[in-house]
N, C-alpha and C. Protein backbone atom coordinates (compact mmCIF):
# COMPACT_ATOMS: atom_id res chain seq x y z
N UNK A 1 27.99 9.81 15.22
CA UNK A 1 26.87 9.33 14.44
C UNK A 1 26.05 10.83 14.23
N UNK A 2 25.83 11.39 12.98
CA UNK A 2 24.93 12.38 12.80
C UNK A 2 24.04 12.45 11.57
N UNK A 3 22.86 13.10 11.84
CA UNK A 3 21.92 12.99 10.51
C UNK A 3 21.98 14.27 9.73
N UNK A 4 22.05 14.02 8.76
CA UNK A 4 22.02 15.35 7.78
C UNK A 4 21.09 14.95 6.59
N UNK A 5 20.70 15.71 5.57
CA UNK A 5 20.03 15.77 4.56
C UNK A 5 20.80 14.97 3.31
N UNK A 6 20.33 14.35 2.44
CA UNK A 6 21.03 13.74 1.42
C UNK A 6 21.61 14.93 0.30
N UNK A 7 22.82 14.46 0.02
CA UNK A 7 23.42 15.15 -0.85
C UNK A 7 23.68 14.18 -2.39
N UNK A 8 23.91 14.63 -3.35
CA UNK A 8 24.07 13.54 -4.32
C UNK A 8 25.02 12.92 -4.42
N UNK A 9 26.30 12.99 -3.75
CA UNK A 9 27.30 12.20 -3.54
C UNK A 9 26.94 11.01 -2.79
N UNK A 10 25.85 10.85 -2.10
CA UNK A 10 25.42 9.62 -1.44
C UNK A 10 24.70 8.52 -2.30
N UNK A 11 24.27 9.07 -3.39
CA UNK A 11 23.58 8.12 -4.39
C UNK A 11 24.20 6.81 -4.22
N UNK A 12 25.47 6.61 -4.93
CA UNK A 12 25.93 5.47 -4.78
C UNK A 12 25.93 4.52 -3.69
N UNK A 13 26.42 5.02 -2.66
CA UNK A 13 26.45 4.38 -1.18
C UNK A 13 25.13 3.91 -0.88
N UNK A 14 24.04 4.82 -0.92
CA UNK A 14 22.70 4.48 -0.85
C UNK A 14 21.86 3.10 -1.65
N UNK A 15 22.44 3.39 -2.87
CA UNK A 15 21.85 2.30 -3.57
C UNK A 15 22.52 0.96 -3.13
N UNK A 16 23.84 0.84 -2.72
CA UNK A 16 24.39 -0.45 -2.40
C UNK A 16 24.13 -0.90 -1.15
N UNK A 17 23.85 0.16 -0.13
CA UNK A 17 23.16 -0.07 1.36
C UNK A 17 21.94 -0.70 0.91
N UNK A 18 21.07 -0.06 0.32
CA UNK A 18 19.56 -0.94 -0.14
C UNK A 18 19.58 -2.18 -0.58
N UNK A 19 20.54 -2.39 -1.59
CA UNK A 19 20.51 -3.61 -2.21
C UNK A 19 21.32 -4.71 -1.06
N UNK A 20 22.21 -4.40 -0.62
CA UNK A 20 22.82 -5.39 0.63
C UNK A 20 21.67 -5.57 1.79
N UNK A 21 20.92 -4.57 1.82
CA UNK A 21 19.84 -4.60 3.00
C UNK A 21 18.55 -5.53 2.41
N UNK A 22 18.21 -5.31 1.40
CA UNK A 22 16.96 -5.99 0.76
C UNK A 22 17.37 -7.27 0.06
N UNK A 23 18.43 -7.36 -0.42
CA UNK A 23 18.94 -8.79 -1.15
C UNK A 23 18.39 -10.04 -0.63
N UNK A 24 18.67 -10.25 0.69
CA UNK A 24 18.26 -11.55 1.34
C UNK A 24 16.62 -11.61 0.99
N UNK A 25 15.96 -10.76 1.33
CA UNK A 25 14.32 -10.76 1.06
C UNK A 25 14.22 -11.36 -0.20
N UNK A 26 14.53 -10.48 -1.32
CA UNK A 26 14.39 -10.94 -2.89
C UNK A 26 14.66 -12.45 -2.89
N UNK A 27 15.98 -12.52 -2.61
CA UNK A 27 16.72 -13.80 -2.97
C UNK A 27 16.49 -15.36 -2.32
N UNK A 28 16.07 -14.76 -0.87
CA UNK A 28 16.02 -16.07 0.06
C UNK A 28 14.45 -16.00 0.56
N UNK A 29 13.62 -15.16 0.25
CA UNK A 29 12.61 -15.06 0.98
C UNK A 29 11.43 -14.97 -0.17
N UNK A 30 11.41 -13.77 -0.92
CA UNK A 30 10.33 -13.91 -1.86
C UNK A 30 10.34 -14.85 -3.05
N UNK A 31 11.69 -14.91 -3.75
CA UNK A 31 11.94 -15.78 -4.76
C UNK A 31 11.36 -17.46 -4.60
N UNK A 32 11.99 -18.02 -3.26
CA UNK A 32 11.46 -19.34 -3.01
C UNK A 32 9.84 -19.49 -2.75
N UNK A 33 9.24 -18.37 -2.21
CA UNK A 33 8.21 -18.42 -1.77
C UNK A 33 7.07 -18.34 -3.04
N UNK A 34 7.33 -17.62 -3.87
CA UNK A 34 6.43 -17.12 -5.25
C UNK A 34 6.66 -18.09 -6.49
N UNK A 35 7.98 -18.48 -6.40
CA UNK A 35 8.56 -19.27 -7.76
C UNK A 35 9.50 -18.10 -8.74
N UNK A 36 9.91 -18.74 -9.61
CA UNK A 36 10.81 -17.91 -10.68
C UNK A 36 9.59 -17.05 -11.43
N UNK A 37 8.61 -17.71 -11.84
CA UNK A 37 7.90 -16.89 -12.83
C UNK A 37 7.32 -15.68 -12.02
N UNK A 38 6.69 -15.80 -11.13
CA UNK A 38 6.08 -14.57 -10.53
C UNK A 38 7.29 -13.84 -9.98
N UNK A 39 8.16 -14.34 -9.47
CA UNK A 39 9.44 -13.29 -9.05
C UNK A 39 10.07 -12.68 -10.32
N UNK A 40 10.05 -13.44 -11.43
CA UNK A 40 10.57 -12.69 -12.52
C UNK A 40 9.91 -11.44 -12.97
N UNK A 41 8.79 -11.88 -13.19
CA UNK A 41 7.55 -10.62 -13.49
C UNK A 41 7.42 -9.66 -12.58
N UNK A 42 7.38 -9.90 -11.29
CA UNK A 42 7.06 -9.03 -10.20
C UNK A 42 8.43 -8.12 -9.65
N UNK A 43 9.30 -8.93 -9.50
CA UNK A 43 10.85 -8.07 -9.26
C UNK A 43 12.06 -9.04 -9.90
N UNK A 44 11.87 -9.17 -10.88
CA UNK A 44 13.36 -9.72 -11.82
C UNK A 44 14.36 -8.72 -11.98
N UNK A 45 13.97 -7.59 -11.65
CA UNK A 45 15.28 -6.37 -11.96
C UNK A 45 15.08 -5.64 -10.52
N UNK A 46 14.86 -6.25 -9.43
CA UNK A 46 14.68 -5.52 -8.24
C UNK A 46 15.93 -4.76 -8.18
N UNK A 47 17.08 -4.99 -8.14
CA UNK A 47 18.22 -4.09 -8.35
C UNK A 47 18.12 -2.75 -9.23
N UNK A 48 18.08 -3.08 -10.22
CA UNK A 48 17.61 -1.84 -11.23
C UNK A 48 16.53 -1.07 -10.68
N UNK A 49 15.36 -1.83 -10.32
CA UNK A 49 14.50 -0.85 -9.55
C UNK A 49 14.68 0.02 -8.50
N UNK A 50 15.50 -0.36 -7.60
CA UNK A 50 16.22 0.38 -6.78
C UNK A 50 16.99 1.34 -7.20
N UNK A 51 18.09 1.23 -8.21
CA UNK A 51 18.82 1.95 -8.58
C UNK A 51 17.99 3.24 -9.15
N UNK A 52 16.85 2.99 -9.96
CA UNK A 52 15.74 3.97 -10.44
C UNK A 52 15.39 4.75 -9.22
N UNK A 53 14.69 3.86 -8.17
CA UNK A 53 13.97 4.73 -7.30
C UNK A 53 14.68 5.58 -6.46
N UNK A 54 15.94 4.92 -5.95
CA UNK A 54 16.64 5.76 -4.96
C UNK A 54 17.13 7.17 -5.38
N UNK A 55 17.44 7.37 -6.88
CA UNK A 55 17.79 8.30 -7.36
C UNK A 55 16.65 9.54 -7.53
N UNK A 56 15.55 9.25 -7.56
CA UNK A 56 14.32 10.16 -7.30
C UNK A 56 13.74 10.27 -5.93
N UNK A 57 14.14 9.82 -5.05
CA UNK A 57 13.66 9.79 -3.42
C UNK A 57 13.66 11.33 -2.75
N UNK A 58 14.92 11.95 -3.24
CA UNK A 58 14.92 13.08 -2.49
C UNK A 58 14.74 14.42 -3.65
N UNK A 59 13.56 14.97 -3.53
CA UNK A 59 13.20 16.02 -4.50
C UNK A 59 12.32 17.16 -3.31
N UNK A 60 12.87 17.76 -2.60
CA UNK A 60 12.05 18.84 -1.63
C UNK A 60 10.85 19.56 -2.14
N UNK A 61 11.13 19.81 -3.49
CA UNK A 61 10.16 20.92 -4.36
C UNK A 61 8.87 20.00 -4.30
N UNK A 62 9.06 18.62 -4.26
CA UNK A 62 7.80 17.81 -4.32
C UNK A 62 7.34 17.04 -2.95
N UNK A 63 8.05 17.68 -2.09
CA UNK A 63 7.84 17.22 -0.82
C UNK A 63 8.55 15.67 -0.34
N UNK A 64 9.54 15.22 -1.03
CA UNK A 64 10.10 14.31 -0.93
C UNK A 64 11.57 14.35 -0.38
N UNK A 65 11.80 13.59 0.57
CA UNK A 65 13.03 13.86 1.56
C UNK A 65 13.60 12.46 1.70
N UNK A 66 15.27 12.65 1.86
CA UNK A 66 16.12 11.53 2.34
C UNK A 66 16.96 12.17 3.51
N UNK A 67 16.76 11.47 4.68
CA UNK A 67 18.03 12.10 5.77
C UNK A 67 18.91 10.88 5.93
N UNK A 68 20.20 11.26 6.02
CA UNK A 68 21.16 10.16 5.99
C UNK A 68 21.83 10.45 7.44
N UNK A 69 22.14 8.88 8.14
CA UNK A 69 22.74 8.88 9.27
C UNK A 69 24.32 8.31 8.82
N UNK A 70 25.17 9.17 9.31
CA UNK A 70 26.59 8.94 8.85
C UNK A 70 27.55 8.79 10.11
N UNK A 71 28.23 7.65 10.07
CA UNK A 71 29.02 7.26 11.13
C UNK A 71 30.39 6.81 10.64
N UNK A 72 31.52 7.51 10.95
CA UNK A 72 32.87 7.33 10.43
C UNK A 72 33.00 7.99 9.16
N UNK A 73 32.04 9.06 8.79
CA UNK A 73 32.32 9.76 7.82
C UNK A 73 31.60 9.12 6.54
N UNK A 74 30.99 8.04 6.61
CA UNK A 74 30.26 7.18 5.76
C UNK A 74 28.84 6.83 5.96
N UNK A 75 27.89 7.03 5.01
CA UNK A 75 26.63 6.82 5.07
C UNK A 75 26.31 5.37 6.03
N UNK A 76 25.96 5.32 7.21
CA UNK A 76 25.42 4.12 7.78
C UNK A 76 23.79 3.76 7.40
N UNK A 77 23.19 4.57 7.21
CA UNK A 77 21.73 4.55 7.00
C UNK A 77 21.10 5.64 6.34
N UNK A 78 19.63 5.39 6.15
CA UNK A 78 18.99 6.55 5.72
C UNK A 78 17.47 6.10 5.98
N UNK A 79 16.83 7.18 5.84
CA UNK A 79 15.12 6.98 5.68
C UNK A 79 14.74 8.20 4.57
N UNK A 80 13.71 7.72 3.91
CA UNK A 80 13.12 8.27 2.60
C UNK A 80 11.65 8.33 2.68
N UNK A 81 11.08 9.65 2.72
CA UNK A 81 9.74 9.91 3.22
C UNK A 81 8.99 11.03 2.04
N UNK A 82 7.65 11.01 1.91
CA UNK A 82 7.15 12.07 1.11
C UNK A 82 5.87 12.48 2.25
N UNK A 83 5.52 13.40 1.66
CA UNK A 83 4.49 14.35 2.32
C UNK A 83 2.91 14.46 1.48
N UNK A 84 2.03 14.19 1.68
CA UNK A 84 0.54 14.57 1.07
C UNK A 84 0.22 15.69 1.96
N UNK A 85 0.59 16.88 1.57
CA UNK A 85 0.29 17.98 2.32
C UNK A 85 -1.13 18.15 2.47
N UNK A 86 -1.77 17.94 1.34
CA UNK A 86 -3.47 17.98 1.12
C UNK A 86 -4.02 17.28 2.46
N UNK A 87 -3.75 16.09 2.58
CA UNK A 87 -3.88 15.17 3.68
C UNK A 87 -3.50 15.18 4.88
N UNK A 88 -2.39 15.77 4.91
CA UNK A 88 -1.61 16.10 6.24
C UNK A 88 -0.78 14.64 6.64
N UNK A 89 -0.59 14.15 5.62
CA UNK A 89 0.11 12.58 5.58
C UNK A 89 1.47 12.32 5.28
N UNK A 90 2.22 11.55 6.08
CA UNK A 90 3.65 11.45 5.41
C UNK A 90 3.63 9.70 5.31
N UNK A 91 4.59 9.55 4.64
CA UNK A 91 4.83 8.13 4.15
C UNK A 91 6.26 7.60 4.20
N UNK A 92 6.68 6.68 4.92
CA UNK A 92 8.12 6.41 4.97
C UNK A 92 8.01 5.54 3.72
N UNK A 93 9.00 5.84 2.91
CA UNK A 93 9.34 4.96 1.65
C UNK A 93 10.16 3.88 1.85
N UNK A 94 11.36 4.28 2.15
CA UNK A 94 12.45 3.42 2.69
C UNK A 94 13.09 3.75 4.11
N UNK A 95 13.55 2.74 4.53
CA UNK A 95 14.46 2.61 5.76
C UNK A 95 15.46 1.58 5.65
N UNK A 96 16.84 1.95 5.56
CA UNK A 96 17.83 1.04 5.41
C UNK A 96 18.88 1.44 6.52
N UNK A 97 19.70 0.50 7.29
CA UNK A 97 20.59 0.69 8.07
C UNK A 97 21.68 -0.25 7.61
N UNK A 98 22.90 -0.06 7.65
CA UNK A 98 23.91 -1.12 7.40
C UNK A 98 24.19 -2.01 8.36
N UNK A 99 24.40 -3.33 7.98
CA UNK A 99 24.27 -4.43 8.67
C UNK A 99 25.10 -4.39 10.05
N UNK A 100 26.27 -3.56 10.03
CA UNK A 100 27.40 -3.50 11.14
C UNK A 100 26.66 -2.11 12.06
N UNK A 101 25.84 -1.72 11.59
CA UNK A 101 25.45 -0.45 12.38
C UNK A 101 23.82 -0.77 12.91
N UNK A 102 23.39 -1.92 12.85
CA UNK A 102 22.19 -2.41 13.28
C UNK A 102 22.05 -2.76 14.77
N UNK A 103 21.15 -2.26 15.49
CA UNK A 103 20.96 -2.36 16.92
C UNK A 103 22.04 -1.39 17.72
N UNK A 104 21.89 -0.25 17.10
CA UNK A 104 22.82 0.67 17.72
C UNK A 104 21.98 2.02 17.45
N UNK A 105 20.53 2.07 17.44
CA UNK A 105 19.45 2.98 17.54
C UNK A 105 19.91 4.12 16.37
N UNK A 106 20.45 3.56 15.38
CA UNK A 106 20.58 4.46 14.18
C UNK A 106 18.97 4.68 13.46
N UNK A 107 18.44 3.75 13.41
CA UNK A 107 17.16 3.49 12.85
C UNK A 107 15.99 4.54 13.58
N UNK A 108 15.99 4.18 14.89
CA UNK A 108 15.31 5.09 15.67
C UNK A 108 15.45 6.59 15.67
N UNK A 109 16.91 6.98 15.58
CA UNK A 109 17.38 8.28 15.20
C UNK A 109 16.83 8.79 13.87
N UNK A 110 16.99 7.96 12.90
CA UNK A 110 16.57 8.52 11.62
C UNK A 110 14.97 8.56 11.49
N UNK A 111 14.26 7.67 12.14
CA UNK A 111 12.73 7.77 12.15
C UNK A 111 12.35 9.11 13.01
N UNK A 112 12.86 9.22 14.09
CA UNK A 112 12.56 10.26 14.93
C UNK A 112 12.89 11.51 14.15
N UNK A 113 13.92 11.92 13.44
CA UNK A 113 14.47 12.76 12.60
C UNK A 113 13.39 13.22 11.61
N UNK A 114 12.82 12.07 10.96
CA UNK A 114 12.03 12.25 10.09
C UNK A 114 10.55 12.74 10.53
N UNK A 115 10.27 11.83 11.58
CA UNK A 115 9.11 12.28 12.24
C UNK A 115 8.83 13.75 12.53
N UNK A 116 9.99 14.42 13.10
CA UNK A 116 10.07 15.63 13.41
C UNK A 116 9.65 16.73 12.17
N UNK A 117 10.44 16.27 11.15
CA UNK A 117 10.48 17.03 9.89
C UNK A 117 9.02 16.99 9.20
N UNK A 118 8.43 15.71 9.48
CA UNK A 118 7.01 15.53 8.96
C UNK A 118 6.11 16.66 9.89
N UNK A 119 6.33 16.61 10.99
CA UNK A 119 5.28 17.50 11.80
C UNK A 119 5.76 18.86 11.32
N UNK A 120 6.78 19.18 11.14
CA UNK A 120 7.20 20.73 11.02
C UNK A 120 6.54 21.17 9.49
N UNK A 121 5.97 20.26 8.59
CA UNK A 121 5.46 20.48 7.62
C UNK A 121 3.95 20.31 7.50
N UNK A 122 3.61 19.99 8.65
CA UNK A 122 2.11 19.81 8.68
C UNK A 122 1.57 18.33 8.87
N UNK A 123 2.29 17.42 8.67
CA UNK A 123 1.73 16.01 8.55
C UNK A 123 0.86 15.90 10.20
N UNK A 124 0.17 14.95 9.94
CA UNK A 124 -0.41 14.72 11.20
C UNK A 124 -0.39 13.03 11.55
N UNK A 125 -0.10 12.42 10.68
CA UNK A 125 0.14 10.97 10.84
C UNK A 125 1.04 10.34 9.63
N UNK A 126 1.75 9.27 9.90
CA UNK A 126 2.75 8.52 9.07
C UNK A 126 2.16 6.95 8.93
N UNK A 127 2.37 6.86 7.41
CA UNK A 127 2.33 5.40 7.26
C UNK A 127 3.71 4.93 6.90
N UNK A 128 3.84 3.74 7.40
CA UNK A 128 5.22 2.87 7.05
C UNK A 128 4.50 1.60 6.61
N UNK A 129 5.21 1.01 5.35
CA UNK A 129 4.83 -0.36 5.18
C UNK A 129 5.99 -1.15 5.18
N UNK A 130 5.71 -2.43 5.42
CA UNK A 130 6.74 -3.41 5.66
C UNK A 130 6.25 -5.02 5.49
N UNK A 131 6.83 -5.92 5.05
CA UNK A 131 6.43 -7.25 4.68
C UNK A 131 6.09 -8.22 5.89
N UNK A 132 4.89 -9.07 5.85
CA UNK A 132 4.55 -10.16 6.85
C UNK A 132 5.43 -11.27 6.85
N UNK A 133 6.51 -11.24 6.20
CA UNK A 133 7.19 -12.59 6.03
C UNK A 133 8.26 -12.49 7.34
N UNK A 134 8.94 -13.60 7.52
CA UNK A 134 10.06 -13.86 8.42
C UNK A 134 11.18 -12.73 8.35
N UNK A 135 11.67 -12.37 7.23
CA UNK A 135 12.60 -11.49 6.90
C UNK A 135 12.28 -10.36 7.35
N UNK A 136 11.12 -9.84 7.33
CA UNK A 136 10.52 -8.36 8.13
C UNK A 136 10.22 -8.40 9.30
N UNK A 137 10.15 -9.47 10.10
CA UNK A 137 9.65 -9.41 11.37
C UNK A 137 10.61 -8.41 12.23
N UNK A 138 11.87 -8.55 12.12
CA UNK A 138 12.42 -7.34 13.01
C UNK A 138 11.99 -5.79 12.57
N UNK A 139 11.78 -5.71 11.42
CA UNK A 139 11.10 -4.31 10.81
C UNK A 139 10.07 -3.88 11.51
N UNK A 140 8.98 -4.96 11.65
CA UNK A 140 7.63 -4.93 12.33
C UNK A 140 7.66 -4.63 13.75
N UNK A 141 8.66 -5.63 14.52
CA UNK A 141 8.76 -5.27 15.88
C UNK A 141 9.41 -3.72 16.12
N UNK A 142 10.11 -3.41 15.14
CA UNK A 142 10.65 -2.15 15.46
C UNK A 142 9.81 -0.81 15.09
N UNK A 143 9.14 -0.97 14.07
CA UNK A 143 7.88 0.12 14.05
C UNK A 143 6.71 -0.15 15.29
N UNK A 144 6.48 -1.22 15.70
CA UNK A 144 5.69 -1.39 16.81
C UNK A 144 6.18 -0.72 18.27
N UNK A 145 7.55 -0.85 18.03
CA UNK A 145 8.37 -0.17 19.21
C UNK A 145 8.23 1.36 19.23
N UNK A 146 7.99 2.12 18.01
CA UNK A 146 7.94 3.16 17.59
C UNK A 146 6.44 3.66 18.27
N UNK A 147 5.50 3.01 18.46
CA UNK A 147 3.89 3.24 18.72
C UNK A 147 3.37 2.87 17.28
N UNK A 148 3.61 2.58 16.20
CA UNK A 148 3.00 2.29 15.00
C UNK A 148 2.03 1.11 15.36
N UNK A 149 0.82 1.20 14.43
CA UNK A 149 -0.05 0.20 14.79
C UNK A 149 -0.32 -0.57 13.37
N UNK A 150 -0.11 -2.04 13.60
CA UNK A 150 0.02 -2.61 12.32
C UNK A 150 -1.49 -3.11 11.80
N UNK A 151 -1.69 -2.64 10.72
CA UNK A 151 -2.88 -3.28 9.64
C UNK A 151 -2.72 -4.21 9.09
N UNK A 152 -3.33 -5.22 9.40
CA UNK A 152 -3.59 -6.58 9.10
C UNK A 152 -3.99 -6.74 7.39
N UNK A 153 -2.94 -6.82 6.69
CA UNK A 153 -3.16 -7.06 5.06
C UNK A 153 -2.74 -8.27 4.69
N UNK A 154 -3.33 -8.74 3.57
CA UNK A 154 -2.86 -9.99 2.77
C UNK A 154 -2.59 -9.92 1.37
N UNK A 155 -1.62 -10.11 0.86
CA UNK A 155 -1.24 -10.21 -0.65
C UNK A 155 -1.23 -11.50 -1.00
N UNK A 156 -1.81 -12.07 -2.12
CA UNK A 156 -1.79 -13.13 -2.61
C UNK A 156 -1.14 -13.20 -3.97
N UNK A 157 -0.41 -14.17 -4.36
CA UNK A 157 -0.08 -14.41 -6.15
C UNK A 157 -0.21 -15.84 -6.19
N UNK A 158 -0.55 -15.70 -7.73
CA UNK A 158 -0.77 -17.33 -8.31
C UNK A 158 -0.34 -17.52 -9.72
N UNK A 159 0.21 -18.36 -9.95
CA UNK A 159 0.62 -18.49 -11.29
C UNK A 159 -0.68 -18.74 -12.21
N UNK A 160 -0.89 -18.27 -13.50
CA UNK A 160 -2.20 -18.68 -14.29
C UNK A 160 -1.87 -19.45 -15.27
């Protein structure tokens, strides 16, 4: 496995990988939790949202970066982040690893790669967001293993 910068040829694979990674959250966790009305309004086109979002994640001129982990000549995971240079702050936008490559330290390698790049551009801290539901429990444990501190936040939805 090696880590390299995003290239345009990665786009389709990263979209597929993201949809495969987060599909169970939207369809098996979020939709049943909030119901169809809120789901449809909030994330009804979540696949399309990811297609649009991922296409714009890598823009070095705007301090937006994607690093890709490649295993057996195929992207196995990626991390996307952006920098707010005025505040010396970095934010991890997305982190996804293909199911067959999880628990093989790819996520750790991607984050450490991103953290080094963030420091090189003057970032002094990083923010990483994830969900508080059961689906995201492994992500929370992972971020805590990296030394991140969880900020307790609650988000509520209600049909009107």
